Amino acid sequence: MFTRLIMIAGLVVVAGILAIGALVSGDDDPTDSLQTALPPESAIDEAPPSEPMGEPQLVTATAAPTRESPRATPTPRPTQAPEPTARPGRQSPTPAASQPTPAAAHADFTGLWRILDTITAGTGRGESFAFDVVLEQNGALVTGGTDGIQITGRVDGQTATLTYRQPDLGYTATFTLTLVDGTWGGGTFRSSVNAGTSTLHRLP
């Protein structure tokens, strides 16, 4: 019982102390508590002034440009040039029919000739014989001879192919003689018994 009284008395004492402390703290200068609540003057001075509010700006949203995917351009097909229309032009004149080239003029064997034969093969090899004949030419045909000798043949260009006959002796031969400048020529001969070279000289 006594202990309970002591505890109550202690609580009363504590309550009184708390009340006195509250009164003492209420007598303090209210400015001191205000100063502790406000920031120091240096901080106020250094604080940047607030920018004046300007007119409100109208912010418009710009749509971002959209990229269109490139469309495939069709490759143009090459156009074929129209074929040129054939114009009726001048026809090249038809070349005149080529006229046959005239045959080379025949050499003229008409006249008196001396023929010199040199036997190179057969009977009388190494011997030479000369005889004179008169020839007459009509176009390409040649005839002539002398006593006991008959000559016939043809002329082709500058060359005469002549057949020589000597009936009394039974001798025949073939001469191939070519004129060089109309006054002399040469060639070969071949008979039934021998052969050789011949020269031909025109006599006055």
Protein backbone atom coordinates (compact mmCIF):
# COMPACT_ATOMS: atom_id res chain seq x y z
CA MET A 1 0.00 0.00 0.00
CA PHE A 2 2.73 2.29 0.91
CA THR A 3 4.59 1.46 -2.23
CA ARG A 4 1.56 2.40 -4.36
CA LEU A 5 1.43 5.80 -2.72
CA ILE A 6 5.07 6.39 -3.45
CA MET A 7 4.52 5.54 -7.17
CA ILE A 8 1.56 7.93 -7.43
CA ALA A 9 3.57 10.68 -5.78
CA GLY A 10 6.36 10.09 -8.28
CA LEU A 11 3.98 10.37 -11.22
CA VAL A 12 2.63 13.65 -9.85
CA VAL A 13 6.14 15.02 -9.52
CA VAL A 14 6.98 14.04 -13.07
CA ALA A 15 3.81 15.59 -14.41
CA GLY A 16 4.64 18.81 -12.64
CA ILE A 17 8.14 18.95 -14.04
CA LEU A 18 6.78 18.48 -17.55
CA ALA A 19 4.26 21.26 -17.10
CA ILE A 20 6.94 23.66 -15.88
CA GLY A 21 9.16 22.82 -18.85
CA ALA A 22 6.33 23.56 -21.21
CA LEU A 23 5.77 26.98 -19.73
CA VAL A 24 9.45 27.84 -19.87
CA SER A 25 9.69 26.89 -23.52
CA GLY A 26 6.60 28.98 -24.29
CA ASP A 27 8.28 32.13 -22.92
CA ASP A 28 11.13 31.95 -25.47
CA ASP A 29 11.36 34.64 -28.28
CA PRO A 30 9.29 33.59 -31.19
CA THR A 31 11.69 35.36 -33.57
CA ASP A 32 14.38 32.90 -32.66
CA SER A 33 12.29 30.04 -33.86
CA LEU A 34 11.44 31.98 -37.03
CA GLN A 35 15.05 32.65 -37.79
CA THR A 36 15.88 29.03 -37.39
CA ALA A 37 13.10 28.21 -39.83
CA LEU A 38 14.23 30.68 -42.53
CA PRO A 39 17.38 30.21 -44.62
CA PRO A 40 20.30 32.60 -44.03
CA GLU A 41 20.36 35.97 -45.79
CA SER A 42 23.44 35.00 -47.82
CA ALA A 43 21.53 32.13 -49.26
CA ILE A 44 18.62 34.40 -50.10
CA ASP A 45 20.92 36.97 -51.77
CA GLU A 46 22.73 34.36 -53.79
CA ALA A 47 19.56 32.68 -55.00
CA PRO A 48 19.01 33.50 -58.67
CA PRO A 49 16.07 35.74 -59.31
CA SER A 50 13.15 33.98 -60.76
CA GLU A 51 12.73 34.72 -64.48
CA PRO A 52 9.67 36.71 -65.32
CA MET A 53 7.03 34.68 -66.92
CA GLY A 54 6.68 35.63 -70.55
CA GLU A 55 3.80 35.21 -72.82
CA PRO A 56 2.76 31.63 -73.15
CA GLN A 57 4.18 30.08 -76.33
CA LEU A 58 2.07 27.94 -78.51
CA VAL A 59 3.83 24.70 -79.09
CA THR A 60 2.78 22.95 -82.26
CA ALA A 61 3.70 19.38 -82.87
CA THR A 62 5.33 18.92 -86.26
CA ALA A 63 4.65 15.62 -87.83
CA ALA A 64 7.82 13.74 -88.65
CA PRO A 65 8.28 13.33 -92.42
CA THR A 66 7.42 9.88 -93.55
CA ARG A 67 9.61 8.19 -96.13
CA GLU A 68 7.80 6.41 -98.81
CA SER A 69 9.41 3.23 -99.97
CA PRO A 70 10.59 3.67 -103.57
CA ARG A 71 8.35 2.03 -106.04
CA ALA A 72 9.91 -0.27 -108.59
CA THR A 73 9.98 1.60 -111.87
CA PRO A 74 9.28 -0.75 -114.76
CA THR A 75 12.24 -0.97 -117.14
CA PRO A 76 11.19 0.49 -120.48
CA ARG A 77 11.43 -2.02 -123.26
CA PRO A 78 13.53 -0.87 -126.21
CA THR A 79 11.32 -0.01 -129.07
CA GLN A 80 12.42 -1.46 -132.36
CA ALA A 81 12.95 1.14 -134.98
CA PRO A 82 10.64 0.66 -137.92
CA GLU A 83 12.31 -0.83 -140.89
CA PRO A 84 13.02 1.81 -143.49
CA THR A 85 10.65 1.69 -146.35
CA ALA A 86 12.43 1.01 -149.55
CA ARG A 87 12.32 4.11 -151.63
CA PRO A 88 12.10 3.74 -155.31
CA GLY A 89 15.53 4.95 -156.22
CA ARG A 90 17.28 5.11 -159.45
CA GLN A 91 18.15 1.73 -160.67
CA SER A 92 21.72 1.33 -161.62
CA PRO A 93 21.94 1.08 -165.34
CA THR A 94 22.30 -2.44 -166.52
CA PRO A 95 25.84 -2.81 -167.71
CA ALA A 96 25.99 -3.28 -171.36
CA ALA A 97 26.73 -6.76 -172.42
CA SER A 98 30.45 -7.13 -172.51
CA GLN A 99 31.54 -7.39 -176.03
CA PRO A 100 33.95 -10.15 -176.87
CA THR A 101 37.53 -9.09 -176.85
CA PRO A 102 38.77 -9.09 -180.35
CA ALA A 103 41.27 -11.77 -181.03
CA ALA A 104 44.84 -10.69 -181.12
CA ALA A 105 45.88 -9.61 -184.56
CA HIS A 106 47.59 -12.35 -186.47
CA ALA A 107 51.17 -11.95 -187.47
CA ASP A 108 51.69 -11.53 -191.20
CA PHE A 109 53.69 -14.38 -192.67
CA THR A 110 53.16 -13.28 -196.29
CA GLY A 111 56.45 -12.90 -198.13
CA LEU A 112 59.75 -14.56 -198.94
CA TRP A 113 61.42 -16.33 -196.00
CA ARG A 114 64.61 -18.21 -195.39
CA ILE A 115 64.32 -21.11 -192.97
CA LEU A 116 67.45 -22.48 -191.29
CA ASP A 117 67.11 -25.89 -189.61
CA THR A 118 69.64 -27.31 -187.16
CA ILE A 119 69.21 -31.01 -186.49
CA THR A 120 69.57 -31.84 -182.77
CA ALA A 121 68.19 -35.38 -182.79
CA GLY A 122 67.91 -38.21 -185.37
CA THR A 123 69.38 -38.56 -188.85
CA GLY A 124 71.92 -35.85 -189.67
CA ARG A 125 72.33 -34.74 -186.03
CA GLY A 126 74.53 -31.64 -185.81
CA GLU A 127 73.96 -30.63 -189.45
CA SER A 128 72.15 -27.47 -190.62
CA PHE A 129 70.09 -26.93 -193.79
CA ALA A 130 68.67 -23.70 -195.22
CA PHE A 131 65.95 -23.30 -197.83
CA ASP A 132 63.82 -20.43 -199.12
CA VAL A 133 60.01 -20.49 -199.33
CA VAL A 134 57.29 -18.08 -200.38
CA LEU A 135 54.30 -17.91 -198.06
CA GLU A 136 50.91 -16.36 -198.64
CA GLN A 137 48.54 -15.66 -195.76
CA ASN A 138 44.78 -15.27 -196.07
CA GLY A 139 43.35 -14.49 -192.61
CA ALA A 140 44.66 -17.31 -190.44
CA LEU A 141 45.34 -19.69 -193.33
CA VAL A 142 48.86 -19.98 -194.73
CA THR A 143 49.88 -21.69 -197.95
CA GLY A 144 53.05 -21.65 -200.01
CA GLY A 145 56.28 -23.41 -200.80
CA THR A 146 58.77 -23.64 -203.66
CA ASP A 147 59.85 -26.18 -206.27
CA GLY A 148 59.28 -29.63 -204.78
CA ILE A 149 58.16 -28.26 -201.36
CA GLN A 150 54.56 -27.82 -200.21
CA ILE A 151 53.62 -25.83 -197.09
CA THR A 152 50.18 -25.43 -195.50
CA GLY A 153 49.14 -24.29 -192.03
CA ARG A 154 47.42 -21.80 -189.76
CA VAL A 155 48.41 -18.73 -187.77
CA ASP A 156 47.37 -18.11 -184.15
CA GLY A 157 48.50 -14.72 -183.01
CA GLN A 158 52.23 -14.50 -183.65
CA THR A 159 52.77 -18.26 -184.07
CA ALA A 160 52.31 -20.31 -187.20
CA THR A 161 52.01 -24.09 -187.21
CA LEU A 162 53.10 -25.29 -190.67
CA THR A 163 53.21 -28.71 -192.34
CA TYR A 164 56.18 -29.26 -194.65
CA ARG A 165 56.08 -31.86 -197.44
CA GLN A 166 58.69 -32.92 -199.94
CA PRO A 167 56.90 -35.60 -202.01
CA ASP A 168 59.86 -36.53 -204.21
CA LEU A 169 61.90 -37.58 -201.17
CA GLY A 170 58.92 -38.74 -199.10
CA TYR A 171 59.90 -36.27 -196.46
CA THR A 172 57.39 -34.53 -194.12
CA ALA A 173 57.86 -32.28 -191.11
CA THR A 174 55.95 -29.95 -188.80
CA PHE A 175 57.24 -26.45 -187.96
CA THR A 176 56.20 -24.23 -185.11
CA LEU A 177 57.49 -20.73 -185.83
CA THR A 178 56.87 -17.50 -183.87
CA LEU A 179 57.55 -14.04 -185.27
CA VAL A 180 59.33 -11.60 -182.98
CA ASP A 181 59.10 -8.27 -184.78
CA GLY A 182 57.68 -9.19 -188.19
CA THR A 183 61.07 -9.69 -189.80
CA TRP A 184 62.42 -12.72 -188.01
CA GLY A 185 61.43 -15.43 -185.61
CA GLY A 186 62.24 -18.90 -184.44
CA GLY A 187 60.92 -22.20 -183.25
CA THR A 188 61.29 -25.94 -183.60
CA PHE A 189 60.66 -28.65 -186.16
CA ARG A 190 60.03 -32.38 -186.03
CA SER A 191 60.08 -34.79 -188.99
CA SER A 192 59.70 -38.51 -189.45
CA VAL A 193 63.49 -39.03 -189.24
CA ASN A 194 64.87 -36.17 -187.13
CA ALA A 195 64.11 -33.00 -185.04
CA GLY A 196 65.76 -29.74 -184.20
CA THR A 197 65.52 -25.93 -184.04
CA SER A 198 64.54 -23.48 -186.76
CA THR A 199 65.07 -19.78 -187.40
CA LEU A 200 63.02 -17.68 -189.79
CA HIS A 201 64.28 -14.55 -191.61
CA ARG A 202 62.33 -12.35 -193.96
CA LEU A 203 64.05 -11.74 -197.30
CA PRO A 204 63.65 -8.54 -199.31
